[in-house]
Each structure stands twice: as structure tokens, then as C-alpha cells.
Amino acid sequence: MRCRGYNEVKLKNNIECEIFQVILEEARGAYKPEIVHELHSNTPDDMERNLDQIVAWCSQWTPQT
């Protein structure tokens, strides 16, 4: 990618995207489809919704005492 003139930040971003894609594909192959959720974090609003969703899942999955 350096031959294309990408700067260091662009290279890092591309590598991270590839890593997360591999992790997603491995999770989809290893677990039931209904428990693997892809969450997009392209904007601050996305990240806020993701956080709310994760908190909701955690409260559903942990035993209530």
C-alpha cells in the first residue's frame, strides 16, 4: 500500500479494518449466527448507540441478584 502513496494513518486504518473483518468472519464461523452482532462505529452517534446496546446485552446476560 505504500507504493500507492498512502500515509501512515491510512495504512494503520486499513490494517485495523482488515483485522476486524477477519475477527468478524471467525466469530461467524465459530458461533451461532444469532449471537454474533456486527456493530458499526463510523460516527460518534454510532458509538453511543453501540455502547447503549452493549450495556443492554450485559444486563440481559448477567444474573440478577
N, C-alpha and C. Protein backbone atom coordinates (compact mmCIF):
# COMPACT_ATOMS: atom_id res chain seq x y z
N MET A 1 0.81 -1.19 0.00
CA MET A 1 0.00 0.00 0.00
C MET A 1 0.86 1.26 0.00
N ARG A 2 2.06 1.12 0.50
CA ARG A 2 2.94 2.28 0.48
C ARG A 2 3.22 2.73 -0.96
N CYS A 3 3.24 1.76 -1.88
CA CYS A 3 3.51 2.12 -3.27
C CYS A 3 2.38 2.97 -3.84
N ARG A 4 1.21 2.93 -3.21
CA ARG A 4 0.09 3.75 -3.66
C ARG A 4 0.14 5.15 -3.06
N GLY A 5 1.11 5.38 -2.20
CA GLY A 5 1.25 6.71 -1.61
C GLY A 5 0.41 6.93 -0.37
N TYR A 6 -0.10 5.87 0.27
CA TYR A 6 -0.89 6.02 1.48
C TYR A 6 0.01 6.48 2.62
N ASN A 7 -0.52 7.39 3.42
CA ASN A 7 0.25 7.83 4.58
C ASN A 7 0.10 6.82 5.71
N GLU A 8 0.85 7.03 6.78
CA GLU A 8 0.89 6.09 7.90
C GLU A 8 -0.47 5.88 8.54
N VAL A 9 -1.25 6.95 8.68
CA VAL A 9 -2.58 6.86 9.29
C VAL A 9 -3.50 6.01 8.42
N LYS A 10 -3.47 6.22 7.13
CA LYS A 10 -4.31 5.44 6.20
C LYS A 10 -3.90 3.97 6.25
N LEU A 11 -2.62 3.69 6.26
CA LEU A 11 -2.16 2.30 6.35
C LEU A 11 -2.65 1.64 7.63
N LYS A 12 -2.50 2.34 8.75
CA LYS A 12 -2.94 1.81 10.04
C LYS A 12 -4.45 1.53 10.02
N ASN A 13 -5.21 2.45 9.48
CA ASN A 13 -6.67 2.30 9.39
C ASN A 13 -7.04 1.09 8.54
N ASN A 14 -6.40 0.93 7.40
CA ASN A 14 -6.68 -0.21 6.53
C ASN A 14 -6.34 -1.54 7.19
N ILE A 15 -5.22 -1.58 7.88
CA ILE A 15 -4.81 -2.81 8.57
C ILE A 15 -5.80 -3.14 9.68
N GLU A 16 -6.22 -2.14 10.46
CA GLU A 16 -7.20 -2.38 11.51
C GLU A 16 -8.51 -2.89 10.94
N CYS A 17 -8.95 -2.32 9.83
CA CYS A 17 -10.19 -2.77 9.19
C CYS A 17 -10.08 -4.23 8.76
N GLU A 18 -8.96 -4.59 8.20
CA GLU A 18 -8.75 -5.98 7.78
C GLU A 18 -8.75 -6.92 8.98
N ILE A 19 -8.12 -6.51 10.06
CA ILE A 19 -8.08 -7.34 11.27
C ILE A 19 -9.48 -7.55 11.82
N PHE A 20 -10.25 -6.47 11.92
CA PHE A 20 -11.61 -6.60 12.45
C PHE A 20 -12.49 -7.44 11.53
N GLN A 21 -12.28 -7.37 10.23
CA GLN A 21 -13.05 -8.21 9.30
C GLN A 21 -12.73 -9.68 9.52
N VAL A 22 -11.46 -10.00 9.71
CA VAL A 22 -11.07 -11.39 9.97
C VAL A 22 -11.70 -11.87 11.28
N ILE A 23 -11.65 -11.04 12.31
CA ILE A 23 -12.26 -11.42 13.60
C ILE A 23 -13.75 -11.67 13.44
N LEU A 24 -14.43 -10.81 12.70
CA LEU A 24 -15.87 -10.98 12.46
C LEU A 24 -16.14 -12.29 11.74
N GLU A 25 -15.39 -12.57 10.69
CA GLU A 25 -15.60 -13.81 9.93
C GLU A 25 -15.32 -15.04 10.79
N GLU A 26 -14.29 -14.98 11.63
CA GLU A 26 -14.00 -16.11 12.51
C GLU A 26 -15.10 -16.30 13.54
N ALA A 27 -15.62 -15.22 14.08
CA ALA A 27 -16.72 -15.32 15.05
C ALA A 27 -17.96 -15.90 14.38
N ARG A 28 -18.26 -15.47 13.17
CA ARG A 28 -19.42 -16.01 12.46
C ARG A 28 -19.27 -17.50 12.18
N GLY A 29 -18.05 -17.94 11.96
CA GLY A 29 -17.81 -19.35 11.70
C GLY A 29 -17.80 -20.20 12.96
N ALA A 30 -17.55 -19.59 14.10
CA ALA A 30 -17.41 -20.34 15.34
C ALA A 30 -18.65 -20.33 16.24
N TYR A 31 -19.54 -19.37 16.04
CA TYR A 31 -20.68 -19.22 16.93
C TYR A 31 -21.99 -19.20 16.14
N LYS A 32 -23.08 -19.39 16.85
CA LYS A 32 -24.40 -19.33 16.23
C LYS A 32 -24.62 -17.93 15.66
N PRO A 33 -25.22 -17.84 14.49
CA PRO A 33 -25.41 -16.53 13.86
C PRO A 33 -26.18 -15.53 14.73
N GLU A 34 -27.10 -16.03 15.54
CA GLU A 34 -27.92 -15.11 16.33
C GLU A 34 -27.17 -14.47 17.49
N ILE A 35 -25.95 -14.92 17.78
CA ILE A 35 -25.21 -14.29 18.87
C ILE A 35 -24.02 -13.47 18.39
N VAL A 36 -23.80 -13.40 17.10
CA VAL A 36 -22.72 -12.57 16.56
C VAL A 36 -23.36 -11.32 15.95
N HIS A 37 -22.98 -10.18 16.46
CA HIS A 37 -23.56 -8.91 16.00
C HIS A 37 -22.46 -7.98 15.52
N GLU A 38 -22.61 -7.49 14.33
CA GLU A 38 -21.65 -6.52 13.79
C GLU A 38 -22.15 -5.13 14.13
N LEU A 39 -21.32 -4.37 14.83
CA LEU A 39 -21.67 -3.01 15.20
C LEU A 39 -20.76 -2.03 14.47
N HIS A 40 -21.36 -1.11 13.78
CA HIS A 40 -20.58 -0.11 13.04
C HIS A 40 -20.31 1.09 13.95
N SER A 41 -19.12 1.60 13.88
CA SER A 41 -18.72 2.75 14.69
C SER A 41 -18.12 3.83 13.80
N ASN A 42 -18.91 4.28 12.85
CA ASN A 42 -18.42 5.27 11.90
C ASN A 42 -18.59 6.70 12.39
N THR A 43 -19.50 6.91 13.34
CA THR A 43 -19.76 8.24 13.86
C THR A 43 -19.85 8.19 15.38
N PRO A 44 -19.74 9.33 16.03
CA PRO A 44 -19.95 9.34 17.48
C PRO A 44 -21.34 8.82 17.88
N ASP A 45 -22.35 9.12 17.07
CA ASP A 45 -23.70 8.60 17.36
C ASP A 45 -23.73 7.08 17.30
N ASP A 46 -23.05 6.50 16.31
CA ASP A 46 -22.95 5.03 16.22
C ASP A 46 -22.32 4.47 17.49
N MET A 47 -21.25 5.08 17.93
CA MET A 47 -20.55 4.58 19.11
C MET A 47 -21.42 4.69 20.36
N GLU A 48 -22.19 5.75 20.45
CA GLU A 48 -23.10 5.92 21.60
C GLU A 48 -24.19 4.84 21.57
N ARG A 49 -24.77 4.59 20.40
CA ARG A 49 -25.79 3.53 20.27
C ARG A 49 -25.18 2.16 20.58
N ASN A 50 -23.97 1.93 20.11
CA ASN A 50 -23.30 0.65 20.39
C ASN A 50 -23.10 0.46 21.89
N LEU A 51 -22.66 1.50 22.56
CA LEU A 51 -22.46 1.42 24.00
C LEU A 51 -23.78 1.10 24.70
N ASP A 52 -24.84 1.79 24.32
CA ASP A 52 -26.16 1.51 24.90
C ASP A 52 -26.57 0.06 24.65
N GLN A 53 -26.33 -0.44 23.45
CA GLN A 53 -26.70 -1.81 23.11
C GLN A 53 -25.89 -2.81 23.92
N ILE A 54 -24.60 -2.58 24.05
CA ILE A 54 -23.74 -3.49 24.81
C ILE A 54 -24.15 -3.52 26.28
N VAL A 55 -24.46 -2.36 26.84
CA VAL A 55 -24.92 -2.30 28.23
C VAL A 55 -26.22 -3.09 28.37
N ALA A 56 -27.14 -2.96 27.42
CA ALA A 56 -28.40 -3.70 27.46
C ALA A 56 -28.14 -5.20 27.39
N TRP A 57 -27.25 -5.63 26.50
CA TRP A 57 -26.93 -7.06 26.40
C TRP A 57 -26.34 -7.57 27.71
N CYS A 58 -25.42 -6.81 28.29
CA CYS A 58 -24.79 -7.24 29.54
C CYS A 58 -25.83 -7.39 30.65
N SER A 59 -26.78 -6.49 30.72
CA SER A 59 -27.79 -6.59 31.76
C SER A 59 -28.71 -7.79 31.52
N GLN A 60 -28.90 -8.19 30.26
CA GLN A 60 -29.72 -9.36 29.95
C GLN A 60 -28.97 -10.64 30.27
N TRP A 61 -27.67 -10.65 30.06
CA TRP A 61 -26.89 -11.87 30.19
C TRP A 61 -26.39 -12.15 31.60
N THR A 62 -26.33 -11.14 32.43
CA THR A 62 -25.83 -11.36 33.79
C THR A 62 -27.00 -11.70 34.70
N PRO A 63 -26.78 -12.62 35.63
CA PRO A 63 -27.86 -12.98 36.55
C PRO A 63 -28.23 -11.79 37.44
N GLN A 64 -29.50 -11.62 37.63
CA GLN A 64 -29.98 -10.54 38.50
C GLN A 64 -29.97 -11.04 39.94
N THR A 65 -29.36 -10.28 40.83
CA THR A 65 -29.29 -10.70 42.23
C THR A 65 -30.17 -9.87 43.10
